[in-house]
Amino acid sequence: MLSQKIQREIPIGSTVIFSLKDGGDISGVLVKIGRDHVTLENAGVGVDIRLEKISTWRVSRDAGSETQERTPIPEPVSSPPPLSPDLTDQETIKKLLEIEARFQARQQVSFIQIKAPDFVFPANEMQGKQSANALTIWNRVKNKYEYAEKNK
């Protein structure tokens, strides 16, 4: 995804120039990367840019040095990569481990308890010829279930 590529290549706080597909350019300091947009701040004003509008970008390495131009290359859609310790801070890793430990503890004590279905025929809902036919089908289903339950 383009947002992940931008996140990997452009650090928050970098000065960047986005070239848009319509031919325009928007520059500023990168302050936020969302799933479908990025936010730049320029002269104290925040500007949201939708990812589908971005064609290329140039990142300023320093305030006065040259810029580096990047063109996004479409990547195949895949699951997001697992978090690595060098990309996150210690607090995030600690929180993630706490959440995983809670889920694993609950998973170990959880179980599925199957409740037997209630096979009482609703005679008051069926009337006439349909009642006899429905009762026959109902009893077949009930007998199959009881047979399966007996044989596990």
C-alpha atoms as a PDB file:
ATOM      1  CA  MET A   1       0.000   0.000   0.000  1.00  0.00           C
ATOM      2  CA  LEU A   2       1.161   3.489  -0.753  1.00  0.00           C
ATOM      3  CA  SER A   3       0.669   4.712   2.821  1.00  0.00           C
ATOM      4  CA  GLN A   4       3.031   2.001   4.098  1.00  0.00           C
ATOM      5  CA  LYS A   5       5.622   2.867   1.445  1.00  0.00           C
ATOM      6  CA  ILE A   6       5.447   6.550   2.383  1.00  0.00           C
ATOM      7  CA  GLN A   7       5.686   5.626   6.067  1.00  0.00           C
ATOM      8  CA  ARG A   8       8.853   3.585   5.410  1.00  0.00           C
ATOM      9  CA  GLU A   9      10.540   6.186   3.226  1.00  0.00           C
ATOM     10  CA  ILE A  10       9.511   9.556   4.652  1.00  0.00           C
ATOM     11  CA  PRO A  11      10.019  10.185   8.369  1.00  0.00           C
ATOM     12  CA  ILE A  12       7.423  12.317  10.144  1.00  0.00           C
ATOM     13  CA  GLY A  13       8.762  15.863  10.383  1.00  0.00           C
ATOM     14  CA  SER A  14      10.517  15.728   6.993  1.00  0.00           C
ATOM     15  CA  THR A  15      10.052  18.457   4.438  1.00  0.00           C
ATOM     16  CA  VAL A  16       8.475  16.863   1.385  1.00  0.00           C
ATOM     17  CA  ILE A  17       7.081  17.943  -1.982  1.00  0.00           C
ATOM     18  CA  PHE A  18       4.270  15.782  -3.365  1.00  0.00           C
ATOM     19  CA  SER A  19       3.669  15.947  -7.112  1.00  0.00           C
ATOM     20  CA  LEU A  20       0.026  15.291  -7.817  1.00  0.00           C
ATOM     21  CA  LYS A  21      -1.457  13.366 -10.740  1.00  0.00           C
ATOM     22  CA  ASP A  22      -3.209  16.532 -11.924  1.00  0.00           C
ATOM     23  CA  GLY A  23       0.203  18.228 -12.375  1.00  0.00           C
ATOM     24  CA  GLY A  24       0.305  20.351  -9.236  1.00  0.00           C
ATOM     25  CA  ASP A  25       2.810  20.267  -6.377  1.00  0.00           C
ATOM     26  CA  ILE A  26       2.152  20.552  -2.636  1.00  0.00           C
ATOM     27  CA  SER A  27       5.010  21.009  -0.191  1.00  0.00           C
ATOM     28  CA  GLY A  28       5.332  21.144   3.554  1.00  0.00           C
ATOM     29  CA  VAL A  29       6.367  19.238   6.646  1.00  0.00           C
ATOM     30  CA  LEU A  30       4.895  15.741   6.913  1.00  0.00           C
ATOM     31  CA  VAL A  31       2.888  15.585  10.157  1.00  0.00           C
ATOM     32  CA  LYS A  32       0.557  12.601   9.674  1.00  0.00           C
ATOM     33  CA  ILE A  33       0.201   9.467   7.552  1.00  0.00           C
ATOM     34  CA  GLY A  34      -3.266   7.918   7.425  1.00  0.00           C
ATOM     35  CA  ARG A  35      -4.634   4.924   5.543  1.00  0.00           C
ATOM     36  CA  ASP A  36      -5.984   7.034   2.710  1.00  0.00           C
ATOM     37  CA  HIS A  37      -4.300  10.421   3.166  1.00  0.00           C
ATOM     38  CA  VAL A  38      -1.205  12.274   4.346  1.00  0.00           C
ATOM     39  CA  THR A  39      -1.172  15.593   6.167  1.00  0.00           C
ATOM     40  CA  LEU A  40       1.386  18.311   5.492  1.00  0.00           C
ATOM     41  CA  GLU A  41       1.850  21.489   7.484  1.00  0.00           C
ATOM     42  CA  ASN A  42       2.875  24.603   5.602  1.00  0.00           C
ATOM     43  CA  ALA A  43       3.048  28.008   7.289  1.00  0.00           C
ATOM     44  CA  GLY A  44       0.988  26.728  10.221  1.00  0.00           C
ATOM     45  CA  VAL A  45      -1.794  25.386   8.007  1.00  0.00           C
ATOM     46  CA  GLY A  46      -2.509  21.645   7.752  1.00  0.00           C
ATOM     47  CA  VAL A  47      -3.239  20.218   4.306  1.00  0.00           C
ATOM     48  CA  ASP A  48      -4.673  16.718   3.770  1.00  0.00           C
ATOM     49  CA  ILE A  49      -3.739  14.978   0.507  1.00  0.00           C
ATOM     50  CA  ARG A  50      -5.594  11.847  -0.590  1.00  0.00           C
ATOM     51  CA  LEU A  51      -3.164   9.048  -1.533  1.00  0.00           C
ATOM     52  CA  GLU A  52      -4.815   8.382  -4.890  1.00  0.00           C
ATOM     53  CA  LYS A  53      -3.892  11.953  -5.940  1.00  0.00           C
ATOM     54  CA  ILE A  54      -0.131  11.481  -5.290  1.00  0.00           C
ATOM     55  CA  SER A  55       2.081  10.763  -8.303  1.00  0.00           C
ATOM     56  CA  THR A  56       5.646  11.236  -6.946  1.00  0.00           C
ATOM     57  CA  TRP A  57       7.413  12.896  -4.040  1.00  0.00           C
ATOM     58  CA  ARG A  58      10.699  14.598  -3.212  1.00  0.00           C
ATOM     59  CA  VAL A  59      12.135  14.559   0.292  1.00  0.00           C
ATOM     60  CA  SER A  60      14.554  17.193   1.543  1.00  0.00           C
ATOM     61  CA  ARG A  61      17.456  15.510   3.344  1.00  0.00           C
ATOM     62  CA  ASP A  62      18.423  18.686   5.200  1.00  0.00           C
ATOM     63  CA  ALA A  63      16.984  22.168   5.219  1.00  0.00           C
ATOM     64  CA  GLY A  64      19.476  23.374   2.611  1.00  0.00           C
ATOM     65  CA  SER A  65      20.561  20.257   0.703  1.00  0.00           C
ATOM     66  CA  GLU A  66      19.293  18.589  -2.425  1.00  0.00           C
ATOM     67  CA  THR A  67      16.046  16.678  -2.584  1.00  0.00           C
ATOM     68  CA  GLN A  68      15.468  13.045  -3.477  1.00  0.00           C
ATOM     69  CA  GLU A  69      12.636  12.157  -5.854  1.00  0.00           C
ATOM     70  CA  ARG A  70      10.575   8.983  -5.412  1.00  0.00           C
ATOM     71  CA  THR A  71       7.953   7.466  -7.671  1.00  0.00           C
ATOM     72  CA  PRO A  72       5.665   4.962  -5.990  1.00  0.00           C
ATOM     73  CA  ILE A  73       5.815   1.496  -7.540  1.00  0.00           C
ATOM     74  CA  PRO A  74       2.604  -0.480  -7.141  1.00  0.00           C
ATOM     75  CA  GLU A  75       3.151  -3.360  -4.752  1.00  0.00           C
ATOM     76  CA  PRO A  76       1.057  -6.513  -4.530  1.00  0.00           C
ATOM     77  CA  VAL A  77      -1.556  -6.412  -1.791  1.00  0.00           C
ATOM     78  CA  SER A  78      -0.418  -8.451   1.182  1.00  0.00           C
ATOM     79  CA  SER A  79      -0.788  -8.561   4.911  1.00  0.00           C
ATOM     80  CA  PRO A  80       1.143  -5.907   6.827  1.00  0.00           C
ATOM     81  CA  PRO A  81       4.608  -6.982   7.967  1.00  0.00           C
ATOM     82  CA  PRO A  82       5.015  -7.873  11.643  1.00  0.00           C
ATOM     83  CA  LEU A  83       6.325  -5.145  13.896  1.00  0.00           C
ATOM     84  CA  SER A  84      10.045  -5.272  14.413  1.00  0.00           C
ATOM     85  CA  PRO A  85      11.716  -3.934  17.566  1.00  0.00           C
ATOM     86  CA  ASP A  86      13.952  -1.531  15.650  1.00  0.00           C
ATOM     87  CA  LEU A  87      10.890   0.219  14.138  1.00  0.00           C
ATOM     88  CA  THR A  88       8.988   0.706  17.371  1.00  0.00           C
ATOM     89  CA  ASP A  89       9.773   2.026  20.795  1.00  0.00           C
ATOM     90  CA  GLN A  90       9.928  -0.048  23.978  1.00  0.00           C
ATOM     91  CA  GLU A  91       6.539   1.139  25.304  1.00  0.00           C
ATOM     92  CA  THR A  92       4.761  -0.058  22.176  1.00  0.00           C
ATOM     93  CA  ILE A  93       6.431  -3.459  22.393  1.00  0.00           C
ATOM     94  CA  LYS A  94       5.507  -3.725  26.078  1.00  0.00           C
ATOM     95  CA  LYS A  95       1.843  -2.893  25.359  1.00  0.00           C
ATOM     96  CA  LEU A  96       1.749  -5.364  22.464  1.00  0.00           C
ATOM     97  CA  LEU A  97       3.169  -8.146  24.643  1.00  0.00           C
ATOM     98  CA  GLU A  98       0.624  -7.388  27.379  1.00  0.00           C
ATOM     99  CA  ILE A  99      -2.250  -7.621  24.887  1.00  0.00           C
ATOM    100  CA  GLU A 100      -0.922 -10.861  23.402  1.00  0.00           C
ATOM    101  CA  ALA A 101      -0.477 -12.372  26.872  1.00  0.00           C
ATOM    102  CA  ARG A 102      -4.076 -11.473  27.799  1.00  0.00           C
ATOM    103  CA  PHE A 103      -5.454 -13.080  24.642  1.00  0.00           C
ATOM    104  CA  GLN A 104      -3.335 -16.206  25.063  1.00  0.00           C
ATOM    105  CA  ALA A 105      -4.466 -16.606  28.674  1.00  0.00           C
ATOM    106  CA  ARG A 106      -8.125 -16.268  27.686  1.00  0.00           C
ATOM    107  CA  GLN A 107      -7.662 -18.626  24.764  1.00  0.00           C
ATOM    108  CA  GLN A 108      -6.232 -21.343  27.023  1.00  0.00           C
ATOM    109  CA  VAL A 109      -9.228 -21.308  29.371  1.00  0.00           C
ATOM    110  CA  SER A 110     -11.907 -20.824  26.734  1.00  0.00           C
ATOM    111  CA  PHE A 111     -13.917 -23.695  25.326  1.00  0.00           C
ATOM    112  CA  ILE A 112     -16.997 -24.268  23.236  1.00  0.00           C
ATOM    113  CA  GLN A 113     -19.983 -25.812  24.936  1.00  0.00           C
ATOM    114  CA  ILE A 114     -22.553 -27.020  22.468  1.00  0.00           C
ATOM    115  CA  LYS A 115     -26.147 -26.809  23.627  1.00  0.00           C
ATOM    116  CA  ALA A 116     -28.523 -29.441  22.347  1.00  0.00           C
ATOM    117  CA  PRO A 117     -31.186 -28.038  20.048  1.00  0.00           C
ATOM    118  CA  ASP A 118     -34.769 -27.971  21.254  1.00  0.00           C
ATOM    119  CA  PHE A 119     -36.657 -30.440  19.043  1.00  0.00           C
ATOM    120  CA  VAL A 120     -40.152 -29.608  20.288  1.00  0.00           C
ATOM    121  CA  PHE A 121     -42.403 -29.454  17.234  1.00  0.00           C
ATOM    122  CA  PRO A 122     -44.231 -26.089  16.963  1.00  0.00           C
ATOM    123  CA  ALA A 123     -47.643 -27.583  16.186  1.00  0.00           C
ATOM    124  CA  ASN A 124     -49.417 -24.260  16.669  1.00  0.00           C
ATOM    125  CA  GLU A 125     -47.412 -22.732  13.791  1.00  0.00           C
ATOM    126  CA  MET A 126     -48.378 -25.402  11.236  1.00  0.00           C
ATOM    127  CA  GLN A 127     -51.911 -26.337  10.289  1.00  0.00           C
ATOM    128  CA  GLY A 128     -53.633 -28.622   7.785  1.00  0.00           C
ATOM    129  CA  LYS A 129     -51.766 -30.887   5.375  1.00  0.00           C
ATOM    130  CA  GLN A 130     -48.518 -29.042   5.953  1.00  0.00           C
ATOM    131  CA  SER A 131     -48.532 -30.026   9.606  1.00  0.00           C
ATOM    132  CA  ALA A 132     -48.308 -33.778   8.940  1.00  0.00           C
ATOM    133  CA  ASN A 133     -45.606 -33.354   6.284  1.00  0.00           C
ATOM    134  CA  ALA A 134     -43.628 -30.938   8.447  1.00  0.00           C
ATOM    135  CA  LEU A 135     -43.875 -33.291  11.442  1.00  0.00           C
ATOM    136  CA  THR A 136     -42.397 -36.127   9.373  1.00  0.00           C
ATOM    137  CA  ILE A 137     -39.458 -33.995   8.236  1.00  0.00           C
ATOM    138  CA  TRP A 138     -39.015 -32.614  11.758  1.00  0.00           C
ATOM    139  CA  ASN A 139     -38.794 -36.131  13.220  1.00  0.00           C
ATOM    140  CA  ARG A 140     -36.244 -37.183  10.568  1.00  0.00           C
ATOM    141  CA  VAL A 141     -33.988 -34.290  11.484  1.00  0.00           C
ATOM    142  CA  LYS A 142     -34.431 -35.018  15.195  1.00  0.00           C
ATOM    143  CA  ASN A 143     -33.594 -38.727  14.690  1.00  0.00           C
ATOM    144  CA  LYS A 144     -30.485 -37.906  12.632  1.00  0.00           C
ATOM    145  CA  TYR A 145     -29.261 -35.530  15.315  1.00  0.00           C
ATOM    146  CA  GLU A 146     -29.866 -38.034  18.114  1.00  0.00           C
ATOM    147  CA  TYR A 147     -28.071 -40.759  16.118  1.00  0.00           C
ATOM    148  CA  ALA A 148     -25.077 -38.481  15.478  1.00  0.00           C
ATOM    149  CA  GLU A 149     -24.967 -37.443  19.138  1.00  0.00           C
ATOM    150  CA  LYS A 150     -25.083 -41.106  20.259  1.00  0.00           C
ATOM    151  CA  ASN A 151     -22.224 -42.089  17.920  1.00  0.00           C
ATOM    152  CA  LYS A 152     -20.251 -38.907  18.570  1.00  0.00           C
END
